[in-house]
Amino acid sequence: MEEKSKYARQAAYNRRTYVRFPLDLKPEVLEAFKAKCTANGTTPTTEIKRFITEYCKDKAEE
């Protein structure tokens, strides 16, 4: 019998609600970004999402 992941419902919700945004970066740029985020106590994903939110808010006000 196949065991279901305890996160199966969450994964299904995420697939219905969110889209992926692949991003290609040079390895040294990604490592520098990760290091900067760690030094600031945050994560790359959080910073990218924050940037997108702020960028869209600024553009909507123009």
PDB file of N, CA and C in Angstrom:
ATOM      1  N   MET A   1       0.849  -1.190   0.000  1.00  0.00           N
ATOM      2  CA  MET A   1       0.000   0.000   0.000  1.00  0.00           C
ATOM      3  C   MET A   1       0.890   1.247   0.000  1.00  0.00           C
ATOM      4  N   GLU A   2       0.548   2.182  -0.848  1.00  0.00           N
ATOM      5  CA  GLU A   2       1.334   3.410  -0.967  1.00  0.00           C
ATOM      6  C   GLU A   2       1.012   4.365   0.184  1.00  0.00           C
ATOM      7  N   GLU A   3       2.047   4.838   0.846  1.00  0.00           N
ATOM      8  CA  GLU A   3       1.857   5.754   1.961  1.00  0.00           C
ATOM      9  C   GLU A   3       1.770   7.187   1.441  1.00  0.00           C
ATOM     10  N   LYS A   4       0.749   7.901   1.875  1.00  0.00           N
ATOM     11  CA  LYS A   4       0.586   9.298   1.464  1.00  0.00           C
ATOM     12  C   LYS A   4       1.460  10.191   2.320  1.00  0.00           C
ATOM     13  N   SER A   5       2.026  11.191   1.681  1.00  0.00           N
ATOM     14  CA  SER A   5       2.816  12.177   2.402  1.00  0.00           C
ATOM     15  C   SER A   5       1.897  12.967   3.329  1.00  0.00           C
ATOM     16  N   LYS A   6       2.411  13.334   4.490  1.00  0.00           N
ATOM     17  CA  LYS A   6       1.588  14.144   5.388  1.00  0.00           C
ATOM     18  C   LYS A   6       1.396  15.554   4.839  1.00  0.00           C
ATOM     19  N   TYR A   7       2.145  15.889   3.791  1.00  0.00           N
ATOM     20  CA  TYR A   7       2.001  17.203   3.162  1.00  0.00           C
ATOM     21  C   TYR A   7       1.292  17.132   1.814  1.00  0.00           C
ATOM     22  N   ALA A   8       0.646  16.028   1.504  1.00  0.00           N
ATOM     23  CA  ALA A   8      -0.007  15.848   0.202  1.00  0.00           C
ATOM     24  C   ALA A   8      -1.080  16.916  -0.043  1.00  0.00           C
ATOM     25  N   ARG A   9      -1.876  17.199   0.952  1.00  0.00           N
ATOM     26  CA  ARG A   9      -2.938  18.213   0.773  1.00  0.00           C
ATOM     27  C   ARG A   9      -2.332  19.598   0.560  1.00  0.00           C
ATOM     28  N   GLN A  10      -1.275  19.907   1.302  1.00  0.00           N
ATOM     29  CA  GLN A  10      -0.600  21.193   1.141  1.00  0.00           C
ATOM     30  C   GLN A  10       0.014  21.299  -0.251  1.00  0.00           C
ATOM     31  N   ALA A  11       0.633  20.237  -0.731  1.00  0.00           N
ATOM     32  CA  ALA A  11       1.236  20.234  -2.060  1.00  0.00           C
ATOM     33  C   ALA A  11       0.164  20.424  -3.129  1.00  0.00           C
ATOM     34  N   ALA A  12      -0.970  19.773  -2.979  1.00  0.00           N
ATOM     35  CA  ALA A  12      -2.068  19.922  -3.942  1.00  0.00           C
ATOM     36  C   ALA A  12      -2.573  21.364  -3.941  1.00  0.00           C
ATOM     37  N   TYR A  13      -2.724  21.960  -2.763  1.00  0.00           N
ATOM     38  CA  TYR A  13      -3.151  23.354  -2.658  1.00  0.00           C
ATOM     39  C   TYR A  13      -2.149  24.278  -3.354  1.00  0.00           C
ATOM     40  N   ASN A  14      -0.866  24.056  -3.095  1.00  0.00           N
ATOM     41  CA  ASN A  14       0.165  24.888  -3.705  1.00  0.00           C
ATOM     42  C   ASN A  14       0.133  24.789  -5.221  1.00  0.00           C
ATOM     43  N   ARG A  15      -0.083  23.593  -5.760  1.00  0.00           N
ATOM     44  CA  ARG A  15      -0.150  23.428  -7.221  1.00  0.00           C
ATOM     45  C   ARG A  15      -1.334  24.171  -7.815  1.00  0.00           C
ATOM     46  N   ARG A  16      -2.455  24.227  -7.084  1.00  0.00           N
ATOM     47  CA  ARG A  16      -3.648  24.934  -7.573  1.00  0.00           C
ATOM     48  C   ARG A  16      -3.524  26.444  -7.428  1.00  0.00           C
ATOM     49  N   THR A  17      -2.793  26.913  -6.418  1.00  0.00           N
ATOM     50  CA  THR A  17      -2.808  28.321  -6.035  1.00  0.00           C
ATOM     51  C   THR A  17      -1.610  29.116  -6.542  1.00  0.00           C
ATOM     52  N   TYR A  18      -0.471  28.470  -6.702  1.00  0.00           N
ATOM     53  CA  TYR A  18       0.754  29.178  -7.036  1.00  0.00           C
ATOM     54  C   TYR A  18       1.319  28.717  -8.376  1.00  0.00           C
ATOM     55  N   VAL A  19       2.167  29.536  -8.961  1.00  0.00           N
ATOM     56  CA  VAL A  19       2.904  29.165 -10.170  1.00  0.00           C
ATOM     57  C   VAL A  19       4.391  29.276  -9.864  1.00  0.00           C
ATOM     58  N   ARG A  20       5.187  28.497 -10.568  1.00  0.00           N
ATOM     59  CA  ARG A  20       6.638  28.530 -10.375  1.00  0.00           C
ATOM     60  C   ARG A  20       7.237  29.598 -11.269  1.00  0.00           C
ATOM     61  N   PHE A  21       8.320  30.193 -10.831  1.00  0.00           N
ATOM     62  CA  PHE A  21       9.020  31.235 -11.579  1.00  0.00           C
ATOM     63  C   PHE A  21      10.496  30.882 -11.611  1.00  0.00           C
ATOM     64  N   PRO A  22      10.888  30.069 -12.590  1.00  0.00           N
ATOM     65  CA  PRO A  22      12.307  29.678 -12.655  1.00  0.00           C
ATOM     66  C   PRO A  22      13.197  30.880 -12.976  1.00  0.00           C
ATOM     67  N   LEU A  23      14.378  30.861 -12.437  1.00  0.00           N
ATOM     68  CA  LEU A  23      15.301  31.968 -12.610  1.00  0.00           C
ATOM     69  C   LEU A  23      16.709  31.406 -12.759  1.00  0.00           C
ATOM     70  N   ASP A  24      17.368  31.741 -13.852  1.00  0.00           N
ATOM     71  CA  ASP A  24      18.730  31.282 -14.082  1.00  0.00           C
ATOM     72  C   ASP A  24      19.703  32.367 -13.654  1.00  0.00           C
ATOM     73  N   LEU A  25      20.635  31.984 -12.793  1.00  0.00           N
ATOM     74  CA  LEU A  25      21.661  32.906 -12.318  1.00  0.00           C
ATOM     75  C   LEU A  25      23.023  32.234 -12.432  1.00  0.00           C
ATOM     76  N   LYS A  26      24.047  33.041 -12.548  1.00  0.00           N
ATOM     77  CA  LYS A  26      25.399  32.494 -12.495  1.00  0.00           C
ATOM     78  C   LYS A  26      25.628  31.992 -11.073  1.00  0.00           C
ATOM     79  N   PRO A  27      26.323  30.864 -10.933  1.00  0.00           N
ATOM     80  CA  PRO A  27      26.521  30.291  -9.592  1.00  0.00           C
ATOM     81  C   PRO A  27      27.121  31.267  -8.582  1.00  0.00           C
ATOM     82  N   GLU A  28      28.093  32.077  -9.020  1.00  0.00           N
ATOM     83  CA  GLU A  28      28.722  33.008  -8.074  1.00  0.00           C
ATOM     84  C   GLU A  28      27.757  34.109  -7.634  1.00  0.00           C
ATOM     85  N   VAL A  29      26.846  34.500  -8.511  1.00  0.00           N
ATOM     86  CA  VAL A  29      25.849  35.510  -8.153  1.00  0.00           C
ATOM     87  C   VAL A  29      24.865  34.921  -7.143  1.00  0.00           C
ATOM     88  N   LEU A  30      24.427  33.702  -7.391  1.00  0.00           N
ATOM     89  CA  LEU A  30      23.501  33.051  -6.463  1.00  0.00           C
ATOM     90  C   LEU A  30      24.142  32.850  -5.093  1.00  0.00           C
ATOM     91  N   GLU A  31      25.379  32.414  -5.057  1.00  0.00           N
ATOM     92  CA  GLU A  31      26.054  32.194  -3.777  1.00  0.00           C
ATOM     93  C   GLU A  31      26.232  33.505  -3.018  1.00  0.00           C
ATOM     94  N   ALA A  32      26.575  34.570  -3.731  1.00  0.00           N
ATOM     95  CA  ALA A  32      26.721  35.883  -3.088  1.00  0.00           C
ATOM     96  C   ALA A  32      25.375  36.362  -2.535  1.00  0.00           C
ATOM     97  N   PHE A  33      24.314  36.144  -3.290  1.00  0.00           N
ATOM     98  CA  PHE A  33      22.972  36.537  -2.853  1.00  0.00           C
ATOM     99  C   PHE A  33      22.548  35.744  -1.620  1.00  0.00           C
ATOM    100  N   LYS A  34      22.778  34.432  -1.647  1.00  0.00           N
ATOM    101  CA  LYS A  34      22.449  33.594  -0.496  1.00  0.00           C
ATOM    102  C   LYS A  34      23.235  34.041   0.745  1.00  0.00           C
ATOM    103  N   ALA A  35      24.506  34.326   0.566  1.00  0.00           N
ATOM    104  CA  ALA A  35      25.345  34.749   1.684  1.00  0.00           C
ATOM    105  C   ALA A  35      24.850  36.072   2.259  1.00  0.00           C
ATOM    106  N   LYS A  36      24.499  37.005   1.397  1.00  0.00           N
ATOM    107  CA  LYS A  36      23.992  38.310   1.842  1.00  0.00           C
ATOM    108  C   LYS A  36      22.681  38.144   2.605  1.00  0.00           C
ATOM    109  N   CYS A  37      21.810  37.285   2.100  1.00  0.00           N
ATOM    110  CA  CYS A  37      20.538  37.036   2.781  1.00  0.00           C
ATOM    111  C   CYS A  37      20.775  36.424   4.156  1.00  0.00           C
ATOM    112  N   THR A  38      21.660  35.447   4.223  1.00  0.00           N
ATOM    113  CA  THR A  38      21.978  34.807   5.506  1.00  0.00           C
ATOM    114  C   THR A  38      22.528  35.835   6.489  1.00  0.00           C
ATOM    115  N   ALA A  39      23.427  36.686   6.013  1.00  0.00           N
ATOM    116  CA  ALA A  39      24.012  37.720   6.871  1.00  0.00           C
ATOM    117  C   ALA A  39      22.944  38.681   7.390  1.00  0.00           C
ATOM    118  N   ASN A  40      21.891  38.882   6.603  1.00  0.00           N
ATOM    119  CA  ASN A  40      20.805  39.782   7.003  1.00  0.00           C
ATOM    120  C   ASN A  40      19.671  39.051   7.723  1.00  0.00           C
ATOM    121  N   GLY A  41      19.837  37.742   7.952  1.00  0.00           N
ATOM    122  CA  GLY A  41      18.828  36.976   8.675  1.00  0.00           C
ATOM    123  C   GLY A  41      17.561  36.716   7.895  1.00  0.00           C
ATOM    124  N   THR A  42      17.679  36.565   6.594  1.00  0.00           N
ATOM    125  CA  THR A  42      16.515  36.319   5.753  1.00  0.00           C
ATOM    126  C   THR A  42      16.847  35.204   4.762  1.00  0.00           C
ATOM    127  N   THR A  43      15.956  34.962   3.807  1.00  0.00           N
ATOM    128  CA  THR A  43      16.186  33.928   2.806  1.00  0.00           C
ATOM    129  C   THR A  43      16.067  34.527   1.411  1.00  0.00           C
ATOM    130  N   PRO A  44      16.704  33.914   0.433  1.00  0.00           N
ATOM    131  CA  PRO A  44      16.579  34.406  -0.939  1.00  0.00           C
ATOM    132  C   PRO A  44      15.125  34.475  -1.412  1.00  0.00           C
ATOM    133  N   THR A  45      14.345  33.462  -1.103  1.00  0.00           N
ATOM    134  CA  THR A  45      12.944  33.451  -1.529  1.00  0.00           C
ATOM    135  C   THR A  45      12.185  34.630  -0.941  1.00  0.00           C
ATOM    136  N   THR A  46      12.391  34.895   0.329  1.00  0.00           N
ATOM    137  CA  THR A  46      11.724  36.024   0.979  1.00  0.00           C
ATOM    138  C   THR A  46      12.109  37.333   0.308  1.00  0.00           C
ATOM    139  N   GLU A  47      13.380  37.509   0.024  1.00  0.00           N
ATOM    140  CA  GLU A  47      13.840  38.760  -0.588  1.00  0.00           C
ATOM    141  C   GLU A  47      13.322  38.931  -2.007  1.00  0.00           C
ATOM    142  N   ILE A  48      13.279  37.864  -2.770  1.00  0.00           N
ATOM    143  CA  ILE A  48      12.749  37.948  -4.140  1.00  0.00           C
ATOM    144  C   ILE A  48      11.266  38.292  -4.099  1.00  0.00           C
ATOM    145  N   LYS A  49      10.514  37.644  -3.228  1.00  0.00           N
ATOM    146  CA  LYS A  49       9.081  37.941  -3.108  1.00  0.00           C
ATOM    147  C   LYS A  49       8.863  39.376  -2.641  1.00  0.00           C
ATOM    148  N   ARG A  50       9.677  39.824  -1.697  1.00  0.00           N
ATOM    149  CA  ARG A  50       9.569  41.201  -1.208  1.00  0.00           C
ATOM    150  C   ARG A  50       9.836  42.196  -2.341  1.00  0.00           C
ATOM    151  N   PHE A  51      10.875  41.941  -3.126  1.00  0.00           N
ATOM    152  CA  PHE A  51      11.190  42.819  -4.239  1.00  0.00           C
ATOM    153  C   PHE A  51      10.034  42.886  -5.231  1.00  0.00           C
ATOM    154  N   ILE A  52       9.486  41.736  -5.596  1.00  0.00           N
ATOM    155  CA  ILE A  52       8.391  41.705  -6.573  1.00  0.00           C
ATOM    156  C   ILE A  52       7.181  42.466  -6.054  1.00  0.00           C
ATOM    157  N   THR A  53       6.844  42.265  -4.781  1.00  0.00           N
ATOM    158  CA  THR A  53       5.703  42.969  -4.187  1.00  0.00           C
ATOM    159  C   THR A  53       5.917  44.475  -4.210  1.00  0.00           C
ATOM    160  N   GLU A  54       7.083  44.919  -3.777  1.00  0.00           N
ATOM    161  CA  GLU A  54       7.378  46.356  -3.761  1.00  0.00           C
ATOM    162  C   GLU A  54       7.442  46.930  -5.174  1.00  0.00           C
ATOM    163  N   TYR A  55       8.015  46.216  -6.084  1.00  0.00           N
ATOM    164  CA  TYR A  55       8.134  46.679  -7.472  1.00  0.00           C
ATOM    165  C   TYR A  55       6.753  46.853  -8.086  1.00  0.00           C
ATOM    166  N   CYS A  56       5.883  45.892  -7.874  1.00  0.00           N
ATOM    167  CA  CYS A  56       4.533  45.979  -8.431  1.00  0.00           C
ATOM    168  C   CYS A  56       3.731  47.095  -7.772  1.00  0.00           C
ATOM    169  N   LYS A  57       3.923  47.294  -6.472  1.00  0.00           N
ATOM    170  CA  LYS A  57       3.219  48.367  -5.767  1.00  0.00           C
ATOM    171  C   LYS A  57       3.656  49.715  -6.320  1.00  0.00           C
ATOM    172  N   ASP A  58       4.960  49.909  -6.509  1.00  0.00           N
ATOM    173  CA  ASP A  58       5.464  51.169  -7.053  1.00  0.00           C
ATOM    174  C   ASP A  58       4.919  51.411  -8.455  1.00  0.00           C
ATOM    175  N   LYS A  59       4.861  50.388  -9.286  1.00  0.00           N
ATOM    176  CA  LYS A  59       4.391  50.532 -10.658  1.00  0.00           C
ATOM    177  C   LYS A  59       2.886  50.822 -10.685  1.00  0.00           C
ATOM    178  N   ALA A  60       2.125  50.287  -9.744  1.00  0.00           N
ATOM    179  CA  ALA A  60       0.690  50.508  -9.699  1.00  0.00           C
ATOM    180  C   ALA A  60       0.365  51.945  -9.305  1.00  0.00           C
ATOM    181  N   GLU A  61       1.262  52.586  -8.572  1.00  0.00           N
ATOM    182  CA  GLU A  61       1.027  53.966  -8.109  1.00  0.00           C
ATOM    183  C   GLU A  61       1.342  54.994  -9.192  1.00  0.00           C
ATOM    184  N   GLU A  62       2.045  54.579 -10.242  1.00  0.00           N
ATOM    185  CA  GLU A  62       2.426  55.545 -11.296  1.00  0.00           C
ATOM    186  C   GLU A  62       1.248  55.918 -12.166  1.00  0.00           C
TER     187      GLU A  62
END
